[in-house]
Amino acid sequence: MRQKEYGMTIWFTGLSGAGKTTICQFVEKELRIQGYRVEVLDGDAVRQNLCKGLGFSKEDREENIRRIGFVASLLARNNVIVLVSAISPYRKIREEVRQSIPSFIEVYVNASLEVCEQRDVKGLYKKARSGQIKHFTGIDDPYEIPFSPEVECKTNQESIAESATKVLEKLEELGYTTAKVNNL
């Protein structure tokens, strides 16, 4: 039996290629091993389904984040730990979502634009720089760094396991029983 049986939303934010999804996957795996009910809301998957048809204007991006936040809130109030991996570039909408979810941890996955461009396996930054993609966060659309995230993962300075452990340690502070990520 877990120490705490209530939901939580852990919101991973950062540039494309910063490592949000990778850290999220490691945290998900460890929480499932620990016996928690976990759901992942990945920005790419949500855009293809729940938010299909939304573009990349500021208004559409905000609506995308509102929808993700609404689903996360529903799941969390049903005792699920929700891991959200979404660029969510605008501070104001992240704060709006935070206010609508009682148990919320913001995780800033911090990697420089240069590092993210080096990691760009999909070639999105290259397309954005050539003008093929408009409103790309970090290139021609801003990313607003969180003022005071509960956790900051510096993925160009620490391993995925170290970053995931920071998130799990924050959960421990809040009364969840977790283990550090080892031998990943």
C-alpha atoms as a PDB file:
ATOM      1  CA  MET A   1       0.000   0.000   0.000  1.00  0.00           C
ATOM      2  CA  ARG A   2       1.344   3.407  -0.952  1.00  0.00           C
ATOM      3  CA  GLN A   3       1.813   6.118   1.632  1.00  0.00           C
ATOM      4  CA  LYS A   4      -0.275   8.601  -0.360  1.00  0.00           C
ATOM      5  CA  GLU A   5      -3.270   7.590  -2.444  1.00  0.00           C
ATOM      6  CA  TYR A   6      -4.095  10.754  -4.292  1.00  0.00           C
ATOM      7  CA  GLY A   7      -3.349  12.085  -7.711  1.00  0.00           C
ATOM      8  CA  MET A   8      -0.683  14.479  -8.803  1.00  0.00           C
ATOM      9  CA  THR A   9       0.272  16.235 -12.010  1.00  0.00           C
ATOM     10  CA  ILE A  10       3.940  16.493 -12.889  1.00  0.00           C
ATOM     11  CA  TRP A  11       4.325  18.963 -15.748  1.00  0.00           C
ATOM     12  CA  PHE A  12       7.561  18.701 -17.768  1.00  0.00           C
ATOM     13  CA  THR A  13       8.203  21.903 -19.742  1.00  0.00           C
ATOM     14  CA  GLY A  14      11.133  22.938 -21.929  1.00  0.00           C
ATOM     15  CA  LEU A  15      12.276  23.344 -25.492  1.00  0.00           C
ATOM     16  CA  SER A  16      11.844  20.644 -28.111  1.00  0.00           C
ATOM     17  CA  GLY A  17      14.759  18.249 -27.646  1.00  0.00           C
ATOM     18  CA  ALA A  18      15.463  19.257 -24.031  1.00  0.00           C
ATOM     19  CA  GLY A  19      14.699  15.750 -22.742  1.00  0.00           C
ATOM     20  CA  LYS A  20      11.148  16.049 -21.383  1.00  0.00           C
ATOM     21  CA  THR A  21       9.829  12.823 -22.866  1.00  0.00           C
ATOM     22  CA  THR A  22      12.950  10.830 -21.985  1.00  0.00           C
ATOM     23  CA  ILE A  23      12.887  11.880 -18.318  1.00  0.00           C
ATOM     24  CA  CYS A  24       9.122  11.365 -18.244  1.00  0.00           C
ATOM     25  CA  GLN A  25       9.541   7.774 -19.490  1.00  0.00           C
ATOM     26  CA  PHE A  26      12.071   6.962 -16.759  1.00  0.00           C
ATOM     27  CA  VAL A  27       9.855   8.479 -14.050  1.00  0.00           C
ATOM     28  CA  GLU A  28       6.839   6.595 -15.426  1.00  0.00           C
ATOM     29  CA  LYS A  29       8.712   3.291 -15.356  1.00  0.00           C
ATOM     30  CA  GLU A  30       9.863   3.773 -11.758  1.00  0.00           C
ATOM     31  CA  LEU A  31       6.418   4.841 -10.513  1.00  0.00           C
ATOM     32  CA  ARG A  32       4.797   1.812 -12.167  1.00  0.00           C
ATOM     33  CA  ILE A  33       7.370  -0.470 -10.508  1.00  0.00           C
ATOM     34  CA  GLN A  34       6.434   1.181  -7.209  1.00  0.00           C
ATOM     35  CA  GLY A  35       2.766   0.322  -7.834  1.00  0.00           C
ATOM     36  CA  TYR A  36       1.362   3.760  -8.657  1.00  0.00           C
ATOM     37  CA  ARG A  37      -1.354   4.414 -11.209  1.00  0.00           C
ATOM     38  CA  VAL A  38       0.336   6.547 -13.868  1.00  0.00           C
ATOM     39  CA  GLU A  39      -0.762   8.123 -17.140  1.00  0.00           C
ATOM     40  CA  VAL A  40       1.411  10.038 -19.579  1.00  0.00           C
ATOM     41  CA  LEU A  41       0.104  12.942 -21.626  1.00  0.00           C
ATOM     42  CA  ASP A  42       2.761  13.532 -24.263  1.00  0.00           C
ATOM     43  CA  GLY A  43       2.472  16.765 -26.210  1.00  0.00           C
ATOM     44  CA  ASP A  44       2.942  15.107 -29.608  1.00  0.00           C
ATOM     45  CA  ALA A  45       0.355  12.377 -28.948  1.00  0.00           C
ATOM     46  CA  VAL A  46      -2.166  14.856 -27.542  1.00  0.00           C
ATOM     47  CA  ARG A  47      -1.764  17.109 -30.594  1.00  0.00           C
ATOM     48  CA  GLN A  48      -2.528  14.180 -32.919  1.00  0.00           C
ATOM     49  CA  ASN A  49      -5.686  13.255 -31.015  1.00  0.00           C
ATOM     50  CA  LEU A  50      -7.314  15.550 -28.459  1.00  0.00           C
ATOM     51  CA  CYS A  51      -5.987  18.727 -30.046  1.00  0.00           C
ATOM     52  CA  LYS A  52      -6.063  17.724 -33.700  1.00  0.00           C
ATOM     53  CA  GLY A  53      -6.831  20.725 -35.836  1.00  0.00           C
ATOM     54  CA  LEU A  54      -5.172  23.266 -33.562  1.00  0.00           C
ATOM     55  CA  GLY A  55      -2.378  25.249 -35.158  1.00  0.00           C
ATOM     56  CA  PHE A  56       0.646  26.881 -33.593  1.00  0.00           C
ATOM     57  CA  SER A  57      -0.588  30.416 -33.057  1.00  0.00           C
ATOM     58  CA  LYS A  58      -0.319  31.691 -29.488  1.00  0.00           C
ATOM     59  CA  GLU A  59      -4.075  31.187 -29.032  1.00  0.00           C
ATOM     60  CA  ASP A  60      -3.995  27.617 -30.361  1.00  0.00           C
ATOM     61  CA  ARG A  61      -0.978  26.746 -28.211  1.00  0.00           C
ATOM     62  CA  GLU A  62      -2.782  28.085 -25.146  1.00  0.00           C
ATOM     63  CA  GLU A  63      -5.899  26.065 -25.995  1.00  0.00           C
ATOM     64  CA  ASN A  64      -3.725  22.969 -26.443  1.00  0.00           C
ATOM     65  CA  ILE A  65      -2.280  23.461 -22.936  1.00  0.00           C
ATOM     66  CA  ARG A  66      -5.740  24.132 -21.437  1.00  0.00           C
ATOM     67  CA  ARG A  67      -7.019  20.839 -22.878  1.00  0.00           C
ATOM     68  CA  ILE A  68      -4.012  18.921 -21.586  1.00  0.00           C
ATOM     69  CA  GLY A  69      -4.490  20.582 -18.197  1.00  0.00           C
ATOM     70  CA  PHE A  70      -8.179  19.653 -18.111  1.00  0.00           C
ATOM     71  CA  VAL A  71      -7.453  15.985 -18.811  1.00  0.00           C
ATOM     72  CA  ALA A  72      -4.597  15.990 -16.273  1.00  0.00           C
ATOM     73  CA  SER A  73      -6.946  17.461 -13.656  1.00  0.00           C
ATOM     74  CA  LEU A  74      -9.570  14.781 -14.293  1.00  0.00           C
ATOM     75  CA  LEU A  75      -7.035  11.990 -14.000  1.00  0.00           C
ATOM     76  CA  ALA A  76      -5.327  13.441 -10.920  1.00  0.00           C
ATOM     77  CA  ARG A  77      -8.587  13.791  -9.024  1.00  0.00           C
ATOM     78  CA  ASN A  78      -9.105  10.066  -9.696  1.00  0.00           C
ATOM     79  CA  ASN A  79      -5.868   9.159  -7.896  1.00  0.00           C
ATOM     80  CA  VAL A  80      -3.634   8.965 -10.956  1.00  0.00           C
ATOM     81  CA  ILE A  81      -0.144  10.433 -11.170  1.00  0.00           C
ATOM     82  CA  VAL A  82      -0.203  12.303 -14.467  1.00  0.00           C
ATOM     83  CA  LEU A  83       3.054  12.972 -16.267  1.00  0.00           C
ATOM     84  CA  VAL A  84       2.673  15.756 -18.829  1.00  0.00           C
ATOM     85  CA  SER A  85       5.441  16.248 -21.368  1.00  0.00           C
ATOM     86  CA  ALA A  86       4.676  19.390 -23.361  1.00  0.00           C
ATOM     87  CA  ILE A  87       6.765  22.347 -24.496  1.00  0.00           C
ATOM     88  CA  SER A  88       4.082  24.689 -23.084  1.00  0.00           C
ATOM     89  CA  PRO A  89       6.093  27.792 -23.962  1.00  0.00           C
ATOM     90  CA  TYR A  90       4.019  30.493 -22.257  1.00  0.00           C
ATOM     91  CA  ARG A  91       4.358  31.159 -18.536  1.00  0.00           C
ATOM     92  CA  LYS A  92       0.864  32.627 -18.117  1.00  0.00           C
ATOM     93  CA  ILE A  93      -0.971  29.549 -19.433  1.00  0.00           C
ATOM     94  CA  ARG A  94       1.254  27.211 -17.398  1.00  0.00           C
ATOM     95  CA  GLU A  95       0.294  29.211 -14.311  1.00  0.00           C
ATOM     96  CA  GLU A  96      -3.398  29.073 -15.289  1.00  0.00           C
ATOM     97  CA  VAL A  97      -3.196  25.282 -15.539  1.00  0.00           C
ATOM     98  CA  ARG A  98      -1.281  25.081 -12.239  1.00  0.00           C
ATOM     99  CA  GLN A  99      -4.103  26.970 -10.508  1.00  0.00           C
ATOM    100  CA  SER A 100      -6.705  24.517 -11.847  1.00  0.00           C
ATOM    101  CA  ILE A 101      -4.900  21.414 -10.527  1.00  0.00           C
ATOM    102  CA  PRO A 102      -4.590  21.036  -6.729  1.00  0.00           C
ATOM    103  CA  SER A 103      -1.413  18.885  -6.689  1.00  0.00           C
ATOM    104  CA  PHE A 104       1.026  20.158  -9.308  1.00  0.00           C
ATOM    105  CA  ILE A 105       4.785  19.964  -9.780  1.00  0.00           C
ATOM    106  CA  GLU A 106       6.417  21.992 -12.537  1.00  0.00           C
ATOM    107  CA  VAL A 107       9.616  20.453 -13.895  1.00  0.00           C
ATOM    108  CA  TYR A 108      11.738  22.734 -16.043  1.00  0.00           C
ATOM    109  CA  VAL A 109      13.780  20.569 -18.389  1.00  0.00           C
ATOM    110  CA  ASN A 110      16.586  22.964 -19.094  1.00  0.00           C
ATOM    111  CA  ALA A 111      18.839  22.607 -22.106  1.00  0.00           C
ATOM    112  CA  SER A 112      20.168  25.436 -24.226  1.00  0.00           C
ATOM    113  CA  LEU A 113      18.819  26.050 -27.709  1.00  0.00           C
ATOM    114  CA  GLU A 114      22.201  24.969 -29.113  1.00  0.00           C
ATOM    115  CA  VAL A 115      22.038  21.625 -27.266  1.00  0.00           C
ATOM    116  CA  CYS A 116      18.434  21.064 -28.355  1.00  0.00           C
ATOM    117  CA  GLU A 117      19.364  21.739 -31.983  1.00  0.00           C
ATOM    118  CA  GLN A 118      22.227  19.211 -31.741  1.00  0.00           C
ATOM    119  CA  ARG A 119      19.773  16.587 -30.422  1.00  0.00           C
ATOM    120  CA  ASP A 120      17.155  17.309 -33.102  1.00  0.00           C
ATOM    121  CA  VAL A 121      16.562  13.846 -34.590  1.00  0.00           C
ATOM    122  CA  LYS A 122      13.404  14.956 -36.439  1.00  0.00           C
ATOM    123  CA  GLY A 123      15.112  17.889 -38.166  1.00  0.00           C
ATOM    124  CA  LEU A 124      12.512  20.349 -36.852  1.00  0.00           C
ATOM    125  CA  TYR A 125      14.966  23.097 -35.896  1.00  0.00           C
ATOM    126  CA  LYS A 126      16.592  22.908 -39.323  1.00  0.00           C
ATOM    127  CA  LYS A 127      13.159  23.235 -40.962  1.00  0.00           C
ATOM    128  CA  ALA A 128      12.262  26.139 -38.670  1.00  0.00           C
ATOM    129  CA  ARG A 129      15.524  27.949 -39.429  1.00  0.00           C
ATOM    130  CA  SER A 130      14.929  27.507 -43.176  1.00  0.00           C
ATOM    131  CA  GLY A 131      11.383  28.893 -42.862  1.00  0.00           C
ATOM    132  CA  GLN A 132       9.607  25.591 -43.593  1.00  0.00           C
ATOM    133  CA  ILE A 133       8.053  25.602 -40.104  1.00  0.00           C
ATOM    134  CA  LYS A 134       6.606  28.830 -38.721  1.00  0.00           C
ATOM    135  CA  HIS A 135       6.044  29.712 -35.044  1.00  0.00           C
ATOM    136  CA  PHE A 136       8.617  27.193 -33.831  1.00  0.00           C
ATOM    137  CA  THR A 137       9.429  27.622 -30.146  1.00  0.00           C
ATOM    138  CA  GLY A 138      12.945  28.888 -29.612  1.00  0.00           C
ATOM    139  CA  ILE A 139      13.380  30.040 -33.216  1.00  0.00           C
ATOM    140  CA  ASP A 140      10.594  32.453 -34.201  1.00  0.00           C
ATOM    141  CA  ASP A 141       8.334  31.949 -31.176  1.00  0.00           C
ATOM    142  CA  PRO A 142       9.425  32.530 -27.571  1.00  0.00           C
ATOM    143  CA  TYR A 143       9.891  30.060 -24.751  1.00  0.00           C
ATOM    144  CA  GLU A 144       9.265  31.692 -21.376  1.00  0.00           C
ATOM    145  CA  ILE A 145      11.446  30.054 -18.724  1.00  0.00           C
ATOM    146  CA  PRO A 146       9.596  29.208 -15.485  1.00  0.00           C
ATOM    147  CA  PHE A 147      10.276  31.656 -12.632  1.00  0.00           C
ATOM    148  CA  SER A 148      10.237  29.066  -9.852  1.00  0.00           C
ATOM    149  CA  PRO A 149       9.753  25.467 -10.942  1.00  0.00           C
ATOM    150  CA  GLU A 150       9.665  22.869  -8.185  1.00  0.00           C
ATOM    151  CA  VAL A 151      12.335  20.891 -10.056  1.00  0.00           C
ATOM    152  CA  GLU A 152      14.925  21.919 -12.626  1.00  0.00           C
ATOM    153  CA  CYS A 153      16.663  19.266 -14.697  1.00  0.00           C
ATOM    154  CA  LYS A 154      19.779  20.455 -16.518  1.00  0.00           C
ATOM    155  CA  THR A 155      19.972  17.766 -19.160  1.00  0.00           C
ATOM    156  CA  ASN A 156      23.224  18.975 -20.693  1.00  0.00           C
ATOM    157  CA  GLN A 157      24.942  18.605 -17.279  1.00  0.00           C
ATOM    158  CA  GLU A 158      23.283  15.574 -15.689  1.00  0.00           C
ATOM    159  CA  SER A 159      22.272  12.083 -16.738  1.00  0.00           C
ATOM    160  CA  ILE A 160      18.687  11.068 -17.391  1.00  0.00           C
ATOM    161  CA  ALA A 161      18.826   8.998 -14.187  1.00  0.00           C
ATOM    162  CA  GLU A 162      19.975  12.053 -12.182  1.00  0.00           C
ATOM    163  CA  SER A 163      17.183  14.170 -13.658  1.00  0.00           C
ATOM    164  CA  ALA A 164      14.552  11.491 -13.002  1.00  0.00           C
ATOM    165  CA  THR A 165      15.820  11.076  -9.440  1.00  0.00           C
ATOM    166  CA  LYS A 166      15.263  14.802  -8.808  1.00  0.00           C
ATOM    167  CA  VAL A 167      11.605  14.375  -9.783  1.00  0.00           C
ATOM    168  CA  LEU A 168      11.200  11.264  -7.618  1.00  0.00           C
ATOM    169  CA  GLU A 169      12.830  13.027  -4.662  1.00  0.00           C
ATOM    170  CA  LYS A 170      10.307  15.853  -4.991  1.00  0.00           C
ATOM    171  CA  LEU A 171       7.517  13.266  -4.852  1.00  0.00           C
ATOM    172  CA  GLU A 172       9.083  11.809  -1.698  1.00  0.00           C
ATOM    173  CA  GLU A 173       9.044  15.279  -0.111  1.00  0.00           C
ATOM    174  CA  LEU A 174       5.303  15.334  -0.782  1.00  0.00           C
ATOM    175  CA  GLY A 175       4.736  11.993   0.929  1.00  0.00           C
ATOM    176  CA  TYR A 176       4.946   9.551  -1.955  1.00  0.00           C
ATOM    177  CA  THR A 177       7.138   6.502  -1.418  1.00  0.00           C
ATOM    178  CA  THR A 178       9.569   6.245  -4.300  1.00  0.00           C
ATOM    179  CA  ALA A 179      13.016   4.909  -4.928  1.00  0.00           C
ATOM    180  CA  LYS A 180      15.899   6.622  -6.621  1.00  0.00           C
ATOM    181  CA  VAL A 181      16.461   5.558 -10.193  1.00  0.00           C
ATOM    182  CA  ASN A 182      19.461   3.244 -10.340  1.00  0.00           C
ATOM    183  CA  ASN A 183      21.243   1.387 -13.102  1.00  0.00           C
ATOM    184  CA  LEU A 184      19.208   2.824 -15.958  1.00  0.00           C
END
